Amino acid sequence: MRYSMLVATVLVMLICGPVAAEELTPFRGERTLTVMTQNVYHGVNAELYGVATATDFRDLLIKVAAVFNGYHTRNFPERAAALAAEIEASRPDLIGLQEAVLVRTQAPADGAATPAGTVALDYVQLLLDALAARGLAYEVIGTSFGWDAELPSALGIDVRHTDREVILARKDLSTADLKVSNVQAGHFTTNCVIPTRIGTITIKRGWVSADIKIRGTRVRVVSTHLDGDCPDPAIQTAQSMELLQAAGATNLPLVFIGDFNSDPITGSTAAYGTLTAAGFTDAWGVAGVGPGFTCCQESFLLNPGSTLSRRIDLVLVRGDFAVLGIDVVGDESSDRTPSGLWPSD
């Protein structure tokens, strides 16, 4: 579950997560920017942890097969249609996507000897197709490739999981309204390392940014997904500091969007405090109503009532901004898919 927010430089409409169109439309003007952050949820964290704890090779094959089947159980093609409906309601200029995985396979299985290249699920393309079905034109303007792992499975195929951070932009705007430049992507040097029977797995994370000239105003927008896998909170804190030193190294007004895995309500990790101490303002604190919970639904997304209880997806701004509106979208029972799935976790 994530945010939509409307932010503008001088007059900025920052959309953090999902923001309702009716709330944003009255504020739109020549110098406004709407942004959305959306963790699309690959859904297979539990299955991936199962792979890490496999007891022998046969167990490994079975658990990798469970990962592959887990993608399909969470049915992203159906959920993408629900996400597209959320996007249609707010029409953000830019969307930051987290967990936008690319799943590839190869037969016969040979482990990592030959990189798997047959696309089984492309979460970005599926979302773009769902948007196009609603007449909405978006395009990828920047991608950061995260951890990339390939293993054999009991299905007789290799399964390859590639994580991505992505920024989408509207294609229907003229260059006078939206011009993109200086797209960058980076990886954190401090990452979670998980030991397994087949060696260590490094959960490589990073960020993607773009400098935007939006209706005459220049802004840098950065999308990221900080660590939430390791029990050591120092990893996430280090990543937040790297984010400031890399993507944050600019004199432009800055918008950080993403899944920060750092809840300002509980203060469970220091990343939120690190970023706000560096001059960033939490947009929800300016314009949000209520607790603004964005996480988490049940793993299989079939819980009848929402179980959101944490606010870990954030829009943070630094510079000449006025936050005009922000809301969480996809958190109502009516937002669920025909088969009863929540659009995201």
C-alpha atoms as a PDB file:
ATOM      1  CA  MET A   1       0.000   0.000   0.000  1.00  0.00           C
ATOM      2  CA  ARG A   2       1.538   3.273  -0.837  1.00  0.00           C
ATOM      3  CA  TYR A   3       1.156   7.021  -1.208  1.00  0.00           C
ATOM      4  CA  SER A   4       0.243   9.601  -3.749  1.00  0.00           C
ATOM      5  CA  MET A   5       1.310  13.124  -3.083  1.00  0.00           C
ATOM      6  CA  LEU A   6       1.249  16.486  -4.728  1.00  0.00           C
ATOM      7  CA  VAL A   7       4.243  18.758  -4.337  1.00  0.00           C
ATOM      8  CA  ALA A   8       5.269  21.906  -6.112  1.00  0.00           C
ATOM      9  CA  THR A   9       8.278  24.183  -6.187  1.00  0.00           C
ATOM     10  CA  VAL A  10       7.045  27.551  -5.179  1.00  0.00           C
ATOM     11  CA  LEU A  11       3.734  25.784  -5.528  1.00  0.00           C
ATOM     12  CA  VAL A  12       4.332  22.049  -5.313  1.00  0.00           C
ATOM     13  CA  MET A  13       1.750  19.350  -5.191  1.00  0.00           C
ATOM     14  CA  LEU A  14       3.595  16.364  -3.841  1.00  0.00           C
ATOM     15  CA  ILE A  15       1.793  13.103  -4.211  1.00  0.00           C
ATOM     16  CA  CYS A  16       3.214  10.681  -1.677  1.00  0.00           C
ATOM     17  CA  GLY A  17       1.840   7.249  -2.326  1.00  0.00           C
ATOM     18  CA  PRO A  18      -1.651   7.452  -3.744  1.00  0.00           C
ATOM     19  CA  VAL A  19      -3.537  10.747  -3.699  1.00  0.00           C
ATOM     20  CA  ALA A  20      -7.142  11.051  -4.747  1.00  0.00           C
ATOM     21  CA  ALA A  21      -7.673  12.993  -7.959  1.00  0.00           C
ATOM     22  CA  GLU A  22     -10.477  15.078  -6.518  1.00  0.00           C
ATOM     23  CA  GLU A  23      -8.150  16.357  -3.798  1.00  0.00           C
ATOM     24  CA  LEU A  24      -5.423  17.301  -6.235  1.00  0.00           C
ATOM     25  CA  THR A  25      -7.259  18.764  -9.196  1.00  0.00           C
ATOM     26  CA  PRO A  26      -8.231  22.072  -7.540  1.00  0.00           C
ATOM     27  CA  PHE A  27      -4.576  22.771  -6.751  1.00  0.00           C
ATOM     28  CA  ARG A  28      -3.116  22.092 -10.170  1.00  0.00           C
ATOM     29  CA  GLY A  29      -1.397  25.073 -11.698  1.00  0.00           C
ATOM     30  CA  GLU A  30       1.509  26.057 -13.873  1.00  0.00           C
ATOM     31  CA  ARG A  31       4.136  25.292 -11.238  1.00  0.00           C
ATOM     32  CA  THR A  32       2.780  22.130  -9.660  1.00  0.00           C
ATOM     33  CA  LEU A  33       4.238  18.628  -9.616  1.00  0.00           C
ATOM     34  CA  THR A  34       2.432  15.446  -8.681  1.00  0.00           C
ATOM     35  CA  VAL A  35       4.436  12.431  -7.592  1.00  0.00           C
ATOM     36  CA  MET A  36       3.483   8.952  -6.448  1.00  0.00           C
ATOM     37  CA  THR A  37       5.487   6.297  -4.640  1.00  0.00           C
ATOM     38  CA  GLN A  38       4.308   2.714  -5.040  1.00  0.00           C
ATOM     39  CA  ASN A  39       5.867  -0.480  -3.770  1.00  0.00           C
ATOM     40  CA  VAL A  40       4.260  -2.914  -6.213  1.00  0.00           C
ATOM     41  CA  TYR A  41       5.112  -5.894  -3.940  1.00  0.00           C
ATOM     42  CA  HIS A  42       6.693  -8.954  -5.485  1.00  0.00           C
ATOM     43  CA  GLY A  43       5.205 -10.893  -2.578  1.00  0.00           C
ATOM     44  CA  VAL A  44       7.706 -13.715  -2.218  1.00  0.00           C
ATOM     45  CA  ASN A  45       9.753 -12.624   0.801  1.00  0.00           C
ATOM     46  CA  ALA A  46       8.652 -15.644   2.843  1.00  0.00           C
ATOM     47  CA  GLU A  47       9.513 -18.019   0.016  1.00  0.00           C
ATOM     48  CA  LEU A  48      12.892 -16.351  -0.536  1.00  0.00           C
ATOM     49  CA  TYR A  49      13.742 -16.755   3.139  1.00  0.00           C
ATOM     50  CA  GLY A  50      12.816 -20.407   2.710  1.00  0.00           C
ATOM     51  CA  VAL A  51      15.468 -20.710   0.008  1.00  0.00           C
ATOM     52  CA  ALA A  52      18.028 -19.190   2.362  1.00  0.00           C
ATOM     53  CA  THR A  53      17.288 -21.878   4.953  1.00  0.00           C
ATOM     54  CA  ALA A  54      17.208 -24.887   2.600  1.00  0.00           C
ATOM     55  CA  THR A  55      18.690 -27.950   4.322  1.00  0.00           C
ATOM     56  CA  ASP A  56      20.030 -29.720   1.218  1.00  0.00           C
ATOM     57  CA  PHE A  57      19.998 -29.496  -2.581  1.00  0.00           C
ATOM     58  CA  ARG A  58      16.647 -31.255  -2.981  1.00  0.00           C
ATOM     59  CA  ASP A  59      15.103 -28.919  -0.416  1.00  0.00           C
ATOM     60  CA  LEU A  60      16.614 -25.993  -2.307  1.00  0.00           C
ATOM     61  CA  LEU A  61      14.975 -27.101  -5.573  1.00  0.00           C
ATOM     62  CA  ILE A  62      11.589 -27.389  -3.868  1.00  0.00           C
ATOM     63  CA  LYS A  63      11.877 -23.983  -2.229  1.00  0.00           C
ATOM     64  CA  VAL A  64      12.952 -22.218  -5.433  1.00  0.00           C
ATOM     65  CA  ALA A  65       9.885 -23.731  -7.112  1.00  0.00           C
ATOM     66  CA  ALA A  66       7.814 -22.259  -4.272  1.00  0.00           C
ATOM     67  CA  VAL A  67       9.267 -18.823  -5.079  1.00  0.00           C
ATOM     68  CA  PHE A  68       8.226 -19.126  -8.719  1.00  0.00           C
ATOM     69  CA  ASN A  69       4.742 -20.320  -7.808  1.00  0.00           C
ATOM     70  CA  GLY A  70       4.523 -17.545  -5.209  1.00  0.00           C
ATOM     71  CA  TYR A  71       4.767 -14.832  -7.863  1.00  0.00           C
ATOM     72  CA  HIS A  72       1.762 -16.298  -9.639  1.00  0.00           C
ATOM     73  CA  THR A  73      -0.225 -16.777  -6.429  1.00  0.00           C
ATOM     74  CA  ARG A  74       0.002 -13.021  -5.768  1.00  0.00           C
ATOM     75  CA  ASN A  75      -1.206 -12.474  -9.359  1.00  0.00           C
ATOM     76  CA  PHE A  76       0.483  -9.244 -10.358  1.00  0.00           C
ATOM     77  CA  PRO A  77      -1.285  -9.010 -13.751  1.00  0.00           C
ATOM     78  CA  GLU A  78      -4.591  -8.673 -11.879  1.00  0.00           C
ATOM     79  CA  ARG A  79      -3.115  -6.345  -9.271  1.00  0.00           C
ATOM     80  CA  ALA A  80      -1.550  -4.179 -11.985  1.00  0.00           C
ATOM     81  CA  ALA A  81      -5.044  -3.383 -13.245  1.00  0.00           C
ATOM     82  CA  ALA A  82      -6.010  -2.196  -9.749  1.00  0.00           C
ATOM     83  CA  LEU A  83      -2.844  -0.097  -9.472  1.00  0.00           C
ATOM     84  CA  ALA A  84      -3.595   1.444 -12.869  1.00  0.00           C
ATOM     85  CA  ALA A  85      -7.020   2.471 -11.571  1.00  0.00           C
ATOM     86  CA  GLU A  86      -5.344   4.239  -8.635  1.00  0.00           C
ATOM     87  CA  ILE A  87      -2.976   6.033 -10.995  1.00  0.00           C
ATOM     88  CA  GLU A  88      -5.834   7.084 -13.266  1.00  0.00           C
ATOM     89  CA  ALA A  89      -7.544   8.725 -10.290  1.00  0.00           C
ATOM     90  CA  SER A  90      -4.601  11.021  -9.507  1.00  0.00           C
ATOM     91  CA  ARG A  91      -2.659  11.261 -12.805  1.00  0.00           C
ATOM     92  CA  PRO A  92       0.751  11.819 -11.183  1.00  0.00           C
ATOM     93  CA  ASP A  93       3.487  13.368 -13.298  1.00  0.00           C
ATOM     94  CA  LEU A  94       6.065  10.935 -11.895  1.00  0.00           C
ATOM     95  CA  ILE A  95       5.788   7.534 -10.201  1.00  0.00           C
ATOM     96  CA  GLY A  96       8.507   5.825  -8.183  1.00  0.00           C
ATOM     97  CA  LEU A  97       8.189   2.026  -8.183  1.00  0.00           C
ATOM     98  CA  GLN A  98       9.845  -0.318  -5.705  1.00  0.00           C
ATOM     99  CA  GLU A  99      10.058  -4.135  -5.944  1.00  0.00           C
ATOM    100  CA  ALA A 100       9.390  -3.820  -9.678  1.00  0.00           C
ATOM    101  CA  VAL A 101      10.874  -7.237 -10.309  1.00  0.00           C
ATOM    102  CA  LEU A 102      11.777  -8.976 -13.529  1.00  0.00           C
ATOM    103  CA  VAL A 103      11.314 -12.757 -13.344  1.00  0.00           C
ATOM    104  CA  ARG A 104      13.113 -14.833 -15.958  1.00  0.00           C
ATOM    105  CA  THR A 105      13.455 -18.568 -16.518  1.00  0.00           C
ATOM    106  CA  GLN A 106      15.604 -21.015 -18.444  1.00  0.00           C
ATOM    107  CA  ALA A 107      15.110 -24.640 -19.451  1.00  0.00           C
ATOM    108  CA  PRO A 108      16.782 -26.943 -18.891  1.00  0.00           C
ATOM    109  CA  ALA A 109      18.117 -25.694 -15.581  1.00  0.00           C
ATOM    110  CA  ASP A 110      21.870 -25.187 -15.242  1.00  0.00           C
ATOM    111  CA  GLY A 111      22.045 -22.888 -12.226  1.00  0.00           C
ATOM    112  CA  ALA A 112      23.810 -19.614 -12.919  1.00  0.00           C
ATOM    113  CA  ALA A 113      26.054 -21.031 -15.657  1.00  0.00           C
ATOM    114  CA  THR A 114      23.928 -19.398 -18.372  1.00  0.00           C
ATOM    115  CA  PRO A 115      21.891 -16.336 -17.350  1.00  0.00           C
ATOM    116  CA  ALA A 116      18.162 -17.001 -17.717  1.00  0.00           C
ATOM    117  CA  GLY A 117      16.594 -14.787 -20.364  1.00  0.00           C
ATOM    118  CA  THR A 118      13.023 -15.953 -20.943  1.00  0.00           C
ATOM    119  CA  VAL A 119      10.712 -13.382 -19.377  1.00  0.00           C
ATOM    120  CA  ALA A 120       8.052 -14.957 -17.169  1.00  0.00           C
ATOM    121  CA  LEU A 121       6.856 -11.791 -15.406  1.00  0.00           C
ATOM    122  CA  ASP A 122       7.912  -8.182 -15.994  1.00  0.00           C
ATOM    123  CA  TYR A 123       6.172  -6.111 -13.339  1.00  0.00           C
ATOM    124  CA  VAL A 124       7.016  -2.821 -15.042  1.00  0.00           C
ATOM    125  CA  GLN A 125       5.709  -3.845 -18.453  1.00  0.00           C
ATOM    126  CA  LEU A 126       2.583  -5.359 -16.925  1.00  0.00           C
ATOM    127  CA  LEU A 127       1.839  -2.061 -15.183  1.00  0.00           C
ATOM    128  CA  LEU A 128       2.551  -0.038 -18.339  1.00  0.00           C
ATOM    129  CA  ASP A 129       0.182  -2.314 -20.273  1.00  0.00           C
ATOM    130  CA  ALA A 130      -2.526  -1.895 -17.615  1.00  0.00           C
ATOM    131  CA  LEU A 131      -2.098   1.879 -17.801  1.00  0.00           C
ATOM    132  CA  ALA A 132      -2.277   1.813 -21.594  1.00  0.00           C
ATOM    133  CA  ALA A 133      -5.520  -0.177 -21.376  1.00  0.00           C
ATOM    134  CA  ARG A 134      -6.973   2.845 -19.558  1.00  0.00           C
ATOM    135  CA  GLY A 135      -5.614   5.264 -22.131  1.00  0.00           C
ATOM    136  CA  LEU A 136      -2.771   6.445 -19.869  1.00  0.00           C
ATOM    137  CA  ALA A 137       0.645   6.929 -21.464  1.00  0.00           C
ATOM    138  CA  TYR A 138       3.641   6.503 -19.143  1.00  0.00           C
ATOM    139  CA  GLU A 139       7.246   5.581 -19.857  1.00  0.00           C
ATOM    140  CA  VAL A 140      10.309   4.448 -17.925  1.00  0.00           C
ATOM    141  CA  ILE A 141      12.790   7.298 -17.502  1.00  0.00           C
ATOM    142  CA  GLY A 142      15.190   5.624 -15.074  1.00  0.00           C
ATOM    143  CA  THR A 143      15.973   2.197 -13.634  1.00  0.00           C
ATOM    144  CA  SER A 144      18.281   0.945 -10.896  1.00  0.00           C
ATOM    145  CA  PHE A 145      18.922  -2.805 -11.012  1.00  0.00           C
ATOM    146  CA  GLY A 146      19.172  -4.354  -7.571  1.00  0.00           C
ATOM    147  CA  TRP A 147      19.973  -7.851  -6.428  1.00  0.00           C
ATOM    148  CA  ASP A 148      19.934 -10.454  -9.175  1.00  0.00           C
ATOM    149  CA  ALA A 149      19.847 -14.153  -8.246  1.00  0.00           C
ATOM    150  CA  GLU A 150      19.311 -17.303 -10.301  1.00  0.00           C
ATOM    151  CA  LEU A 151      18.850 -20.846  -8.995  1.00  0.00           C
ATOM    152  CA  PRO A 152      17.565 -24.195 -10.309  1.00  0.00           C
ATOM    153  CA  SER A 153      14.146 -25.412  -9.211  1.00  0.00           C
ATOM    154  CA  ALA A 154      12.108 -28.600  -8.835  1.00  0.00           C
ATOM    155  CA  LEU A 155      10.138 -27.417 -11.889  1.00  0.00           C
ATOM    156  CA  GLY A 156      13.107 -28.293 -14.108  1.00  0.00           C
ATOM    157  CA  ILE A 157      13.829 -24.640 -14.849  1.00  0.00           C
ATOM    158  CA  ASP A 158      16.153 -21.989 -13.512  1.00  0.00           C
ATOM    159  CA  VAL A 159      14.339 -19.115 -11.823  1.00  0.00           C
ATOM    160  CA  ARG A 160      15.966 -15.677 -11.922  1.00  0.00           C
ATOM    161  CA  HIS A 161      14.793 -12.797  -9.735  1.00  0.00           C
ATOM    162  CA  THR A 162      15.989  -9.273 -10.598  1.00  0.00           C
ATOM    163  CA  ASP A 163      14.898  -6.413  -8.356  1.00  0.00           C
ATOM    164  CA  ARG A 164      14.463  -2.916  -9.805  1.00  0.00           C
ATOM    165  CA  GLU A 165      13.781   0.634  -8.671  1.00  0.00           C
ATOM    166  CA  VAL A 166      12.022   2.527 -11.464  1.00  0.00           C
ATOM    167  CA  ILE A 167      10.743   6.023 -12.176  1.00  0.00           C
ATOM    168  CA  LEU A 168       7.857   6.410 -14.623  1.00  0.00           C
ATOM    169  CA  ALA A 169       6.864   9.702 -16.242  1.00  0.00           C
ATOM    170  CA  ARG A 170       3.828  10.826 -18.185  1.00  0.00           C
ATOM    171  CA  LYS A 171       4.301  10.698 -21.948  1.00  0.00           C
ATOM    172  CA  ASP A 172       1.354  12.933 -22.793  1.00  0.00           C
ATOM    173  CA  LEU A 173       2.989  16.135 -21.552  1.00  0.00           C
ATOM    174  CA  SER A 174       4.947  18.461 -23.813  1.00  0.00           C
ATOM    175  CA  THR A 175       8.616  19.162 -23.081  1.00  0.00           C
ATOM    176  CA  ALA A 176       7.496  22.623 -21.972  1.00  0.00           C
ATOM    177  CA  ASP A 177       5.529  20.928 -19.189  1.00  0.00           C
ATOM    178  CA  LEU A 178       7.902  18.066 -18.357  1.00  0.00           C
ATOM    179  CA  LYS A 179      11.528  17.716 -19.395  1.00  0.00           C
ATOM    180  CA  VAL A 180      13.803  14.995 -18.007  1.00  0.00           C
ATOM    181  CA  SER A 181      17.588  15.214 -17.758  1.00  0.00           C
ATOM    182  CA  ASN A 182      20.564  13.849 -15.825  1.00  0.00           C
ATOM    183  CA  VAL A 183      19.038  10.455 -15.022  1.00  0.00           C
ATOM    184  CA  GLN A 184      21.261   8.613 -12.537  1.00  0.00           C
ATOM    185  CA  ALA A 185      21.226   5.280 -10.709  1.00  0.00           C
ATOM    186  CA  GLY A 186      23.403   4.049  -7.889  1.00  0.00           C
ATOM    187  CA  HIS A 187      23.891   1.198  -5.443  1.00  0.00           C
ATOM    188  CA  PHE A 188      24.592   1.295  -1.742  1.00  0.00           C
ATOM    189  CA  THR A 189      27.951  -0.044  -0.588  1.00  0.00           C
ATOM    190  CA  THR A 190      26.395  -1.241   2.671  1.00  0.00           C
ATOM    191  CA  ASN A 191      23.867  -4.028   2.132  1.00  0.00           C
ATOM    192  CA  CYS A 192      22.269  -6.937   3.955  1.00  0.00           C
ATOM    193  CA  VAL A 193      24.242 -10.180   3.542  1.00  0.00           C
ATOM    194  CA  ILE A 194      22.340 -13.406   4.222  1.00  0.00           C
ATOM    195  CA  PRO A 195      24.279 -16.662   4.777  1.00  0.00           C
ATOM    196  CA  THR A 196      22.888 -19.822   3.133  1.00  0.00           C
ATOM    197  CA  ARG A 197      24.065 -23.390   2.529  1.00  0.00           C
ATOM    198  CA  ILE A 198      25.049 -22.414  -1.003  1.00  0.00           C
ATOM    199  CA  GLY A 199      26.970 -19.302   0.015  1.00  0.00           C
ATOM    200  CA  THR A 200      26.072 -15.766   0.980  1.00  0.00           C
ATOM    201  CA  ILE A 201      23.403 -13.696  -0.741  1.00  0.00           C
ATOM    202  CA  THR A 202      23.850  -9.922  -0.840  1.00  0.00           C
ATOM    203  CA  ILE A 203      20.563  -8.024  -1.052  1.00  0.00           C
ATOM    204  CA  LYS A 204      21.896  -5.209  -3.212  1.00  0.00           C
ATOM    205  CA  ARG A 205      19.788  -2.064  -2.967  1.00  0.00           C
ATOM    206  CA  GLY A 206      20.048   1.378  -4.496  1.00  0.00           C
ATOM    207  CA  TRP A 207      18.284   4.404  -5.914  1.00  0.00           C
ATOM    208  CA  VAL A 208      17.322   6.076  -9.174  1.00  0.00           C
ATOM    209  CA  SER A 209      16.994   9.817  -9.769  1.00  0.00           C
ATOM    210  CA  ALA A 210      16.074  12.288 -12.476  1.00  0.00           C
ATOM    211  CA  ASP A 211      16.345  16.049 -12.746  1.00  0.00           C
ATOM    212  CA  ILE A 212      12.976  17.376 -13.858  1.00  0.00           C
ATOM    213  CA  LYS A 213      11.994  20.687 -15.380  1.00  0.00           C
ATOM    214  CA  ILE A 214       8.299  20.714 -14.558  1.00  0.00           C
ATOM    215  CA  ARG A 215       6.260  23.589 -15.928  1.00  0.00           C
ATOM    216  CA  GLY A 216       9.260  25.901 -15.677  1.00  0.00           C
ATOM    217  CA  THR A 217      10.605  24.686 -12.332  1.00  0.00           C
ATOM    218  CA  ARG A 218      13.649  22.423 -11.860  1.00  0.00           C
ATOM    219  CA  VAL A 219      13.522  19.640  -9.257  1.00  0.00           C
ATOM    220  CA  ARG A 220      15.410  16.407  -8.568  1.00  0.00           C
ATOM    221  CA  VAL A 221      13.217  13.382  -7.814  1.00  0.00           C
ATOM    222  CA  VAL A 222      14.795  10.314  -6.207  1.00  0.00           C
ATOM    223  CA  SER A 223      13.158   6.917  -5.676  1.00  0.00           C
ATOM    224  CA  THR A 224      14.657   4.313  -3.340  1.00  0.00           C
ATOM    225  CA  HIS A 225      13.982   1.227  -1.213  1.00  0.00           C
ATOM    226  CA  LEU A 226      16.051   1.016   1.959  1.00  0.00           C
ATOM    227  CA  ASP A 227      16.909  -2.256   3.683  1.00  0.00           C
ATOM    228  CA  GLY A 228      14.260  -3.998   5.706  1.00  0.00           C
ATOM    229  CA  ASP A 229      15.682  -7.524   5.561  1.00  0.00           C
ATOM    230  CA  CYS A 230      18.461  -7.518   8.145  1.00  0.00           C
ATOM    231  CA  PRO A 231      17.978  -7.211  11.905  1.00  0.00           C
ATOM    232  CA  ASP A 232      20.952  -4.834  12.107  1.00  0.00           C
ATOM    233  CA  PRO A 233      19.467  -1.297  11.842  1.00  0.00           C
ATOM    234  CA  ALA A 234      22.911   0.145  11.128  1.00  0.00           C
ATOM    235  CA  ILE A 235      22.643  -1.133   7.538  1.00  0.00           C
ATOM    236  CA  GLN A 236      19.562   0.954   6.830  1.00  0.00           C
ATOM    237  CA  THR A 237      21.076   3.990   8.546  1.00  0.00           C
ATOM    238  CA  ALA A 238      24.223   3.686   6.432  1.00  0.00           C
ATOM    239  CA  GLN A 239      22.105   3.490   3.286  1.00  0.00           C
ATOM    240  CA  SER A 240      20.218   6.649   4.224  1.00  0.00           C
ATOM    241  CA  MET A 241      23.521   8.475   4.667  1.00  0.00           C
ATOM    242  CA  GLU A 242      24.777   7.202   1.304  1.00  0.00           C
ATOM    243  CA  LEU A 243      21.540   8.401  -0.286  1.00  0.00           C
ATOM    244  CA  LEU A 244      22.190  11.908   1.021  1.00  0.00           C
ATOM    245  CA  GLN A 245      25.798  11.880  -0.170  1.00  0.00           C
ATOM    246  CA  ALA A 246      25.001  10.561  -3.657  1.00  0.00           C
ATOM    247  CA  ALA A 247      21.525  11.356  -4.985  1.00  0.00           C
ATOM    248  CA  GLY A 248      21.200  14.193  -2.478  1.00  0.00           C
ATOM    249  CA  ALA A 249      24.316  15.993  -3.710  1.00  0.00           C
ATOM    250  CA  THR A 250      22.609  18.814  -5.599  1.00  0.00           C
ATOM    251  CA  ASN A 251      21.536  22.414  -5.154  1.00  0.00           C
ATOM    252  CA  LEU A 252      18.183  21.633  -6.763  1.00  0.00           C
ATOM    253  CA  PRO A 253      15.035  21.267  -4.688  1.00  0.00           C
ATOM    254  CA  LEU A 254      14.802  17.580  -3.756  1.00  0.00           C
ATOM    255  CA  VAL A 255      11.981  15.073  -3.525  1.00  0.00           C
ATOM    256  CA  PHE A 256      12.803  11.687  -1.973  1.00  0.00           C
ATOM    257  CA  ILE A 257      10.098   9.075  -2.506  1.00  0.00           C
ATOM    258  CA  GLY A 258      10.093   5.386  -1.715  1.00  0.00           C
ATOM    259  CA  ASP A 259       9.849   2.549   0.740  1.00  0.00           C
ATOM    260  CA  PHE A 260      12.219   3.629   3.509  1.00  0.00           C
ATOM    261  CA  ASN A 261      11.323   0.820   5.939  1.00  0.00           C
ATOM    262  CA  SER A 262      11.606   3.427   8.699  1.00  0.00           C
ATOM    263  CA  ASP A 263       8.491   4.302  10.679  1.00  0.00           C
ATOM    264  CA  PRO A 264       8.498   7.836  12.146  1.00  0.00           C
ATOM    265  CA  ILE A 265       5.736   6.849  14.559  1.00  0.00           C
ATOM    266  CA  THR A 266       7.601   4.015  16.294  1.00  0.00           C
ATOM    267  CA  GLY A 267      11.117   5.308  15.628  1.00  0.00           C
ATOM    268  CA  SER A 268      12.149   1.685  15.142  1.00  0.00           C
ATOM    269  CA  THR A 269      15.078   2.635  12.891  1.00  0.00           C
ATOM    270  CA  ALA A 270      17.203   5.769  12.554  1.00  0.00           C
ATOM    271  CA  ALA A 271      16.899   6.341   8.796  1.00  0.00           C
ATOM    272  CA  TYR A 272      13.895   8.666   9.116  1.00  0.00           C
ATOM    273  CA  GLY A 273      15.706  10.797  11.689  1.00  0.00           C
ATOM    274  CA  THR A 274      18.867  10.830   9.588  1.00  0.00           C
ATOM    275  CA  LEU A 275      17.009  12.231   6.593  1.00  0.00           C
ATOM    276  CA  THR A 276      14.916  14.789   8.460  1.00  0.00           C
ATOM    277  CA  ALA A 277      18.029  15.968  10.318  1.00  0.00           C
ATOM    278  CA  ALA A 278      19.529  16.687   6.883  1.00  0.00           C
ATOM    279  CA  GLY A 279      16.807  19.237   6.204  1.00  0.00           C
ATOM    280  CA  PHE A 280      14.064  17.079   4.688  1.00  0.00           C
ATOM    281  CA  THR A 281      10.430  17.665   5.564  1.00  0.00           C
ATOM    282  CA  ASP A 282       7.984  14.783   5.837  1.00  0.00           C
ATOM    283  CA  ALA A 283       5.129  15.703   3.496  1.00  0.00           C
ATOM    284  CA  TRP A 284       2.655  13.667   5.514  1.00  0.00           C
ATOM    285  CA  GLY A 285       3.438  15.775   8.559  1.00  0.00           C
ATOM    286  CA  VAL A 286       2.528  18.877   6.550  1.00  0.00           C
ATOM    287  CA  ALA A 287      -0.642  17.837   4.744  1.00  0.00           C
ATOM    288  CA  GLY A 288      -1.583  14.315   5.814  1.00  0.00           C
ATOM    289  CA  VAL A 289      -4.717  13.479   7.779  1.00  0.00           C
ATOM    290  CA  GLY A 290      -4.660  10.580  10.235  1.00  0.00           C
ATOM    291  CA  PRO A 291      -1.825   8.110  10.819  1.00  0.00           C
ATOM    292  CA  GLY A 292      -1.087   7.564   7.108  1.00  0.00           C
ATOM    293  CA  PHE A 293      -0.331   3.861   7.461  1.00  0.00           C
ATOM    294  CA  THR A 294       1.115   2.271   4.300  1.00  0.00           C
ATOM    295  CA  CYS A 295       2.153  -1.207   5.467  1.00  0.00           C
ATOM    296  CA  CYS A 296       1.287  -4.058   5.526  1.00  0.00           C
ATOM    297  CA  GLN A 297      -1.397  -6.375   4.274  1.00  0.00           C
ATOM    298  CA  GLU A 298      -1.198 -10.160   4.770  1.00  0.00           C
ATOM    299  CA  SER A 299       1.435 -11.911   2.639  1.00  0.00           C
ATOM    300  CA  PHE A 300      -1.062 -13.401   0.177  1.00  0.00           C
ATOM    301  CA  LEU A 301      -3.104 -10.159   0.086  1.00  0.00           C
ATOM    302  CA  LEU A 302      -6.412 -11.920   0.772  1.00  0.00           C
ATOM    303  CA  ASN A 303      -7.191 -10.495   4.217  1.00  0.00           C
ATOM    304  CA  PRO A 304     -10.800  -9.198   4.154  1.00  0.00           C
ATOM    305  CA  GLY A 305     -10.048  -6.052   6.167  1.00  0.00           C
ATOM    306  CA  SER A 306      -7.018  -3.793   5.923  1.00  0.00           C
ATOM    307  CA  THR A 307      -4.173  -4.586   8.326  1.00  0.00           C
ATOM    308  CA  LEU A 308      -2.050  -1.491   7.648  1.00  0.00           C
ATOM    309  CA  SER A 309      -0.319  -0.437  10.867  1.00  0.00           C
ATOM    310  CA  ARG A 310       2.991   1.239   9.918  1.00  0.00           C
ATOM    311  CA  ARG A 311       4.034   4.290   7.899  1.00  0.00           C
ATOM    312  CA  ILE A 312       7.223   3.297   6.101  1.00  0.00           C
ATOM    313  CA  ASP A 313       6.560   4.679   2.600  1.00  0.00           C
ATOM    314  CA  LEU A 314       7.434   8.334   2.576  1.00  0.00           C
ATOM    315  CA  VAL A 315       7.648  11.506   0.553  1.00  0.00           C
ATOM    316  CA  LEU A 316      10.363  13.789   1.895  1.00  0.00           C
ATOM    317  CA  VAL A 317      11.093  17.226   0.443  1.00  0.00           C
ATOM    318  CA  ARG A 318      13.894  19.734   0.796  1.00  0.00           C
ATOM    319  CA  GLY A 319      13.947  23.156  -0.788  1.00  0.00           C
ATOM    320  CA  ASP A 320      11.347  25.616  -1.985  1.00  0.00           C
ATOM    321  CA  PHE A 321       8.233  23.466  -1.735  1.00  0.00           C
ATOM    322  CA  ALA A 322       4.665  23.898  -0.583  1.00  0.00           C
ATOM    323  CA  VAL A 323       2.912  20.587  -0.018  1.00  0.00           C
ATOM    324  CA  LEU A 324      -0.661  20.992  -1.182  1.00  0.00           C
ATOM    325  CA  GLY A 325      -2.058  17.512  -0.654  1.00  0.00           C
ATOM    326  CA  ILE A 326      -1.151  13.946   0.250  1.00  0.00           C
ATOM    327  CA  ASP A 327      -3.110  10.762   0.742  1.00  0.00           C
ATOM    328  CA  VAL A 328      -2.804   6.984   0.869  1.00  0.00           C
ATOM    329  CA  VAL A 329      -4.514   5.092  -1.938  1.00  0.00           C
ATOM    330  CA  GLY A 330      -5.386   1.444  -2.333  1.00  0.00           C
ATOM    331  CA  ASP A 331      -6.251   1.074   1.345  1.00  0.00           C
ATOM    332  CA  GLU A 332     -10.021   0.650   1.047  1.00  0.00           C
ATOM    333  CA  SER A 333     -11.779  -2.706   0.657  1.00  0.00           C
ATOM    334  CA  SER A 334     -13.327  -1.359  -2.545  1.00  0.00           C
ATOM    335  CA  ASP A 335      -9.812  -1.101  -4.027  1.00  0.00           C
ATOM    336  CA  ARG A 336      -9.336  -4.886  -4.039  1.00  0.00           C
ATOM    337  CA  THR A 337      -9.256  -6.893  -7.258  1.00  0.00           C
ATOM    338  CA  PRO A 338     -12.149  -9.091  -8.471  1.00  0.00           C
ATOM    339  CA  SER A 339     -10.520 -12.131  -6.825  1.00  0.00           C
ATOM    340  CA  GLY A 340     -10.150 -10.263  -3.523  1.00  0.00           C
ATOM    341  CA  LEU A 341      -6.461  -9.285  -3.671  1.00  0.00           C
ATOM    342  CA  TRP A 342      -5.253  -5.988  -2.254  1.00  0.00           C
ATOM    343  CA  PRO A 343      -3.372  -4.037  -4.970  1.00  0.00           C
ATOM    344  CA  SER A 344      -0.175  -4.175  -2.882  1.00  0.00           C
ATOM    345  CA  ASP A 345       0.932  -4.986   0.635  1.00  0.00           C
END
